[in-house]
Amino acid sequence: MSRDEKEFLTGFGLAATLTKRVMRHRPSYTTAEQYVEDVADLHADASDFRRRGMAVGCLSALGKH
């Protein structure tokens, strides 16, 4: 497995952890789903694979990818 692949999977794992926490402790100013989608949007155009993995992981958690 290449370094880029490992970085992508690390980001994907971080997204899973983030999504789990946000769903348990929902923010008061927005919906949990919108928060996770905003995180995905923030990282979608990143040049590094960890942030790209985070974006894809967030969207996958929402069933949008």
PDB file of N, CA and C in Angstrom:
ATOM      1  N   MET A   1       0.856  -1.169   0.000  1.00  0.00           N
ATOM      2  CA  MET A   1       0.000   0.000   0.000  1.00  0.00           C
ATOM      3  C   MET A   1       0.904   1.235   0.000  1.00  0.00           C
ATOM      4  N   SER A   2       0.571   2.175  -0.852  1.00  0.00           N
ATOM      5  CA  SER A   2       1.388   3.386  -0.965  1.00  0.00           C
ATOM      6  C   SER A   2       1.107   4.346   0.198  1.00  0.00           C
ATOM      7  N   ARG A   3       1.984   5.304   0.349  1.00  0.00           N
ATOM      8  CA  ARG A   3       1.813   6.310   1.403  1.00  0.00           C
ATOM      9  C   ARG A   3       0.523   7.105   1.198  1.00  0.00           C
ATOM     10  N   ASP A   4       0.238   7.464  -0.056  1.00  0.00           N
ATOM     11  CA  ASP A   4      -0.988   8.218  -0.348  1.00  0.00           C
ATOM     12  C   ASP A   4      -2.229   7.416   0.033  1.00  0.00           C
ATOM     13  N   GLU A   5      -2.215   6.128  -0.242  1.00  0.00           N
ATOM     14  CA  GLU A   5      -3.349   5.279   0.120  1.00  0.00           C
ATOM     15  C   GLU A   5      -3.525   5.215   1.637  1.00  0.00           C
ATOM     16  N   LYS A   6      -2.424   5.122   2.346  1.00  0.00           N
ATOM     17  CA  LYS A   6      -2.486   5.097   3.817  1.00  0.00           C
ATOM     18  C   LYS A   6      -3.020   6.415   4.358  1.00  0.00           C
ATOM     19  N   GLU A   7      -2.586   7.516   3.781  1.00  0.00           N
ATOM     20  CA  GLU A   7      -3.062   8.836   4.202  1.00  0.00           C
ATOM     21  C   GLU A   7      -4.563   8.976   3.946  1.00  0.00           C
ATOM     22  N   PHE A   8      -5.014   8.501   2.786  1.00  0.00           N
ATOM     23  CA  PHE A   8      -6.427   8.562   2.451  1.00  0.00           C
ATOM     24  C   PHE A   8      -7.244   7.756   3.467  1.00  0.00           C
ATOM     25  N   LEU A   9      -6.795   6.556   3.776  1.00  0.00           N
ATOM     26  CA  LEU A   9      -7.511   5.709   4.740  1.00  0.00           C
ATOM     27  C   LEU A   9      -7.492   6.304   6.142  1.00  0.00           C
ATOM     28  N   THR A  10      -6.407   6.960   6.497  1.00  0.00           N
ATOM     29  CA  THR A  10      -6.347   7.648   7.791  1.00  0.00           C
ATOM     30  C   THR A  10      -7.412   8.737   7.848  1.00  0.00           C
ATOM     31  N   GLY A  11      -7.530   9.519   6.791  1.00  0.00           N
ATOM     32  CA  GLY A  11      -8.561  10.556   6.722  1.00  0.00           C
ATOM     33  C   GLY A  11      -9.963   9.980   6.772  1.00  0.00           C
ATOM     34  N   PHE A  12     -10.152   8.861   6.094  1.00  0.00           N
ATOM     35  CA  PHE A  12     -11.452   8.191   6.097  1.00  0.00           C
ATOM     36  C   PHE A  12     -11.801   7.757   7.521  1.00  0.00           C
ATOM     37  N   GLY A  13     -10.818   7.226   8.241  1.00  0.00           N
ATOM     38  CA  GLY A  13     -11.028   6.820   9.633  1.00  0.00           C
ATOM     39  C   GLY A  13     -11.333   8.005  10.534  1.00  0.00           C
ATOM     40  N   LEU A  14     -10.660   9.119  10.306  1.00  0.00           N
ATOM     41  CA  LEU A  14     -10.941  10.327  11.085  1.00  0.00           C
ATOM     42  C   LEU A  14     -12.371  10.800  10.851  1.00  0.00           C
ATOM     43  N   ALA A  15     -12.835  10.676   9.628  1.00  0.00           N
ATOM     44  CA  ALA A  15     -14.211  11.062   9.312  1.00  0.00           C
ATOM     45  C   ALA A  15     -15.209  10.185  10.053  1.00  0.00           C
ATOM     46  N   ALA A  16     -14.911   8.901  10.145  1.00  0.00           N
ATOM     47  CA  ALA A  16     -15.801   7.993  10.871  1.00  0.00           C
ATOM     48  C   ALA A  16     -15.888   8.375  12.341  1.00  0.00           C
ATOM     49  N   THR A  17     -14.748   8.682  12.930  1.00  0.00           N
ATOM     50  CA  THR A  17     -14.708   9.096  14.330  1.00  0.00           C
ATOM     51  C   THR A  17     -15.457  10.412  14.532  1.00  0.00           C
ATOM     52  N   LEU A  18     -15.212  11.368  13.657  1.00  0.00           N
ATOM     53  CA  LEU A  18     -15.888  12.663  13.742  1.00  0.00           C
ATOM     54  C   LEU A  18     -17.397  12.496  13.623  1.00  0.00           C
ATOM     55  N   THR A  19     -17.832  11.743  12.633  1.00  0.00           N
ATOM     56  CA  THR A  19     -19.261  11.555  12.401  1.00  0.00           C
ATOM     57  C   THR A  19     -19.926  10.913  13.610  1.00  0.00           C
ATOM     58  N   LYS A  20     -19.283   9.926  14.170  1.00  0.00           N
ATOM     59  CA  LYS A  20     -19.822   9.242  15.347  1.00  0.00           C
ATOM     60  C   LYS A  20     -19.994  10.220  16.514  1.00  0.00           C
ATOM     61  N   ARG A  21     -18.995  11.055  16.740  1.00  0.00           N
ATOM     62  CA  ARG A  21     -19.063  12.031  17.837  1.00  0.00           C
ATOM     63  C   ARG A  21     -20.129  13.090  17.593  1.00  0.00           C
ATOM     64  N   VAL A  22     -20.213  13.572  16.361  1.00  0.00           N
ATOM     65  CA  VAL A  22     -21.189  14.618  16.039  1.00  0.00           C
ATOM     66  C   VAL A  22     -22.610  14.076  16.159  1.00  0.00           C
ATOM     67  N   MET A  23     -22.820  12.847  15.761  1.00  0.00           N
ATOM     68  CA  MET A  23     -24.152  12.257  15.862  1.00  0.00           C
ATOM     69  C   MET A  23     -24.562  12.029  17.322  1.00  0.00           C
ATOM     70  N   ARG A  24     -23.605  11.743  18.171  1.00  0.00           N
ATOM     71  CA  ARG A  24     -23.900  11.555  19.600  1.00  0.00           C
ATOM     72  C   ARG A  24     -24.120  12.875  20.320  1.00  0.00           C
ATOM     73  N   HIS A  25     -23.322  13.871  19.976  1.00  0.00           N
ATOM     74  CA  HIS A  25     -23.370  15.187  20.630  1.00  0.00           C
ATOM     75  C   HIS A  25     -23.690  16.230  19.567  1.00  0.00           C
ATOM     76  N   ARG A  26     -24.925  16.279  19.199  1.00  0.00           N
ATOM     77  CA  ARG A  26     -25.365  17.137  18.103  1.00  0.00           C
ATOM     78  C   ARG A  26     -25.158  18.621  18.419  1.00  0.00           C
ATOM     79  N   PRO A  27     -24.651  19.378  17.453  1.00  0.00           N
ATOM     80  CA  PRO A  27     -24.470  20.816  17.669  1.00  0.00           C
ATOM     81  C   PRO A  27     -25.831  21.519  17.781  1.00  0.00           C
ATOM     82  N   SER A  28     -25.851  22.595  18.538  1.00  0.00           N
ATOM     83  CA  SER A  28     -27.107  23.320  18.749  1.00  0.00           C
ATOM     84  C   SER A  28     -27.407  24.320  17.629  1.00  0.00           C
ATOM     85  N   TYR A  29     -26.414  24.694  16.854  1.00  0.00           N
ATOM     86  CA  TYR A  29     -26.580  25.748  15.854  1.00  0.00           C
ATOM     87  C   TYR A  29     -26.858  25.230  14.443  1.00  0.00           C
ATOM     88  N   THR A  30     -26.773  23.922  14.238  1.00  0.00           N
ATOM     89  CA  THR A  30     -27.044  23.321  12.941  1.00  0.00           C
ATOM     90  C   THR A  30     -27.372  21.850  13.159  1.00  0.00           C
ATOM     91  N   THR A  31     -27.762  21.176  12.105  1.00  0.00           N
ATOM     92  CA  THR A  31     -28.007  19.742  12.251  1.00  0.00           C
ATOM     93  C   THR A  31     -26.672  18.999  12.180  1.00  0.00           C
ATOM     94  N   ALA A  32     -26.639  17.836  12.751  1.00  0.00           N
ATOM     95  CA  ALA A  32     -25.415  17.023  12.714  1.00  0.00           C
ATOM     96  C   ALA A  32     -25.062  16.670  11.273  1.00  0.00           C
ATOM     97  N   GLU A  33     -26.062  16.364  10.487  1.00  0.00           N
ATOM     98  CA  GLU A  33     -25.826  16.012   9.095  1.00  0.00           C
ATOM     99  C   GLU A  33     -25.236  17.184   8.306  1.00  0.00           C
ATOM    100  N   GLN A  34     -25.750  18.384   8.549  1.00  0.00           N
ATOM    101  CA  GLN A  34     -25.222  19.558   7.860  1.00  0.00           C
ATOM    102  C   GLN A  34     -23.784  19.842   8.299  1.00  0.00           C
ATOM    103  N   TYR A  35     -23.501  19.643   9.566  1.00  0.00           N
ATOM    104  CA  TYR A  35     -22.145  19.848  10.077  1.00  0.00           C
ATOM    105  C   TYR A  35     -21.164  18.919   9.366  1.00  0.00           C
ATOM    106  N   VAL A  36     -21.513  17.641   9.282  1.00  0.00           N
ATOM    107  CA  VAL A  36     -20.638  16.660   8.631  1.00  0.00           C
ATOM    108  C   VAL A  36     -20.488  16.986   7.148  1.00  0.00           C
ATOM    109  N   GLU A  37     -21.568  17.412   6.502  1.00  0.00           N
ATOM    110  CA  GLU A  37     -21.492  17.794   5.097  1.00  0.00           C
ATOM    111  C   GLU A  37     -20.605  19.026   4.904  1.00  0.00           C
ATOM    112  N   ASP A  38     -20.675  19.973   5.824  1.00  0.00           N
ATOM    113  CA  ASP A  38     -19.814  21.161   5.756  1.00  0.00           C
ATOM    114  C   ASP A  38     -18.337  20.783   5.910  1.00  0.00           C
ATOM    115  N   VAL A  39     -18.048  19.836   6.778  1.00  0.00           N
ATOM    116  CA  VAL A  39     -16.664  19.363   6.929  1.00  0.00           C
ATOM    117  C   VAL A  39     -16.188  18.738   5.616  1.00  0.00           C
ATOM    118  N   ALA A  40     -17.049  17.947   4.991  1.00  0.00           N
ATOM    119  CA  ALA A  40     -16.703  17.332   3.702  1.00  0.00           C
ATOM    120  C   ALA A  40     -16.425  18.405   2.653  1.00  0.00           C
ATOM    121  N   ASP A  41     -17.274  19.422   2.594  1.00  0.00           N
ATOM    122  CA  ASP A  41     -17.069  20.514   1.634  1.00  0.00           C
ATOM    123  C   ASP A  41     -15.758  21.244   1.889  1.00  0.00           C
ATOM    124  N   LEU A  42     -15.429  21.423   3.130  1.00  0.00           N
ATOM    125  CA  LEU A  42     -14.199  22.119   3.501  1.00  0.00           C
ATOM    126  C   LEU A  42     -12.955  21.382   3.008  1.00  0.00           C
ATOM    127  N   HIS A  43     -12.994  20.064   3.059  1.00  0.00           N
ATOM    128  CA  HIS A  43     -11.814  19.263   2.721  1.00  0.00           C
ATOM    129  C   HIS A  43     -11.832  18.685   1.308  1.00  0.00           C
ATOM    130  N   ALA A  44     -12.904  18.852   0.570  1.00  0.00           N
ATOM    131  CA  ALA A  44     -13.068  18.198  -0.733  1.00  0.00           C
ATOM    132  C   ALA A  44     -12.004  18.591  -1.761  1.00  0.00           C
ATOM    133  N   ASP A  45     -11.580  19.819  -1.764  1.00  0.00           N
ATOM    134  CA  ASP A  45     -10.627  20.284  -2.773  1.00  0.00           C
ATOM    135  C   ASP A  45      -9.190  20.312  -2.277  1.00  0.00           C
ATOM    136  N   ALA A  46      -8.934  19.624  -1.195  1.00  0.00           N
ATOM    137  CA  ALA A  46      -7.592  19.636  -0.606  1.00  0.00           C
ATOM    138  C   ALA A  46      -6.592  18.913  -1.502  1.00  0.00           C
ATOM    139  N   SER A  47      -5.353  19.293  -1.378  1.00  0.00           N
ATOM    140  CA  SER A  47      -4.317  18.646  -2.183  1.00  0.00           C
ATOM    141  C   SER A  47      -3.742  17.407  -1.504  1.00  0.00           C
ATOM    142  N   ASP A  48      -3.917  17.275  -0.197  1.00  0.00           N
ATOM    143  CA  ASP A  48      -3.361  16.098   0.468  1.00  0.00           C
ATOM    144  C   ASP A  48      -4.414  15.005   0.621  1.00  0.00           C
ATOM    145  N   PHE A  49      -3.949  13.788   0.632  1.00  0.00           N
ATOM    146  CA  PHE A  49      -4.851  12.638   0.605  1.00  0.00           C
ATOM    147  C   PHE A  49      -5.571  12.413   1.934  1.00  0.00           C
ATOM    148  N   ARG A  50      -5.005  12.841   3.035  1.00  0.00           N
ATOM    149  CA  ARG A  50      -5.684  12.681   4.322  1.00  0.00           C
ATOM    150  C   ARG A  50      -6.973  13.507   4.341  1.00  0.00           C
ATOM    151  N   ARG A  51      -6.877  14.744   3.889  1.00  0.00           N
ATOM    152  CA  ARG A  51      -8.064  15.599   3.867  1.00  0.00           C
ATOM    153  C   ARG A  51      -9.075  15.119   2.835  1.00  0.00           C
ATOM    154  N   ARG A  52      -8.617  14.603   1.720  1.00  0.00           N
ATOM    155  CA  ARG A  52      -9.543  14.034   0.729  1.00  0.00           C
ATOM    156  C   ARG A  52     -10.265  12.820   1.308  1.00  0.00           C
ATOM    157  N   GLY A  53      -9.527  11.989   2.029  1.00  0.00           N
ATOM    158  CA  GLY A  53     -10.139  10.835   2.678  1.00  0.00           C
ATOM    159  C   GLY A  53     -11.176  11.255   3.694  1.00  0.00           C
ATOM    160  N   MET A  54     -10.893  12.356   4.379  1.00  0.00           N
ATOM    161  CA  MET A  54     -11.845  12.890   5.351  1.00  0.00           C
ATOM    162  C   MET A  54     -13.133  13.315   4.647  1.00  0.00           C
ATOM    163  N   ALA A  55     -12.998  13.993   3.523  1.00  0.00           N
ATOM    164  CA  ALA A  55     -14.178  14.443   2.771  1.00  0.00           C
ATOM    165  C   ALA A  55     -15.012  13.256   2.297  1.00  0.00           C
ATOM    166  N   VAL A  56     -14.361  12.277   1.711  1.00  0.00           N
ATOM    167  CA  VAL A  56     -15.085  11.112   1.207  1.00  0.00           C
ATOM    168  C   VAL A  56     -15.719  10.331   2.358  1.00  0.00           C
ATOM    169  N   GLY A  57     -15.004  10.220   3.473  1.00  0.00           N
ATOM    170  CA  GLY A  57     -15.536   9.514   4.621  1.00  0.00           C
ATOM    171  C   GLY A  57     -16.773  10.186   5.191  1.00  0.00           C
ATOM    172  N   CYS A  58     -16.759  11.501   5.254  1.00  0.00           N
ATOM    173  CA  CYS A  58     -17.922  12.238   5.749  1.00  0.00           C
ATOM    174  C   CYS A  58     -19.129  12.030   4.841  1.00  0.00           C
ATOM    175  N   LEU A  59     -18.905  12.127   3.536  1.00  0.00           N
ATOM    176  CA  LEU A  59     -20.009  11.940   2.602  1.00  0.00           C
ATOM    177  C   LEU A  59     -20.515  10.497   2.631  1.00  0.00           C
ATOM    178  N   SER A  60     -19.609   9.553   2.800  1.00  0.00           N
ATOM    179  CA  SER A  60     -20.014   8.147   2.886  1.00  0.00           C
ATOM    180  C   SER A  60     -20.862   7.906   4.125  1.00  0.00           C
ATOM    181  N   ALA A  61     -20.490   8.537   5.208  1.00  0.00           N
ATOM    182  CA  ALA A  61     -21.254   8.377   6.446  1.00  0.00           C
ATOM    183  C   ALA A  61     -22.680   8.890   6.279  1.00  0.00           C
ATOM    184  N   LEU A  62     -22.853   9.875   5.430  1.00  0.00           N
ATOM    185  CA  LEU A  62     -24.176  10.422   5.175  1.00  0.00           C
ATOM    186  C   LEU A  62     -24.903   9.694   4.038  1.00  0.00           C
ATOM    187  N   GLY A  63     -24.217   8.747   3.425  1.00  0.00           N
ATOM    188  CA  GLY A  63     -24.818   8.014   2.313  1.00  0.00           C
ATOM    189  C   GLY A  63     -24.859   8.807   1.019  1.00  0.00           C
ATOM    190  N   LYS A  64     -23.952   9.787   0.887  1.00  0.00           N
ATOM    191  CA  LYS A  64     -23.961  10.657  -0.292  1.00  0.00           C
ATOM    192  C   LYS A  64     -22.816  10.382  -1.244  1.00  0.00           C
ATOM    193  N   HIS A  65     -22.053   9.363  -1.010  1.00  0.00           N
ATOM    194  CA  HIS A  65     -20.944   9.075  -1.921  1.00  0.00           C
ATOM    195  C   HIS A  65     -20.881   7.617  -2.199  1.00  0.00           C
TER     196      HIS A  65
END
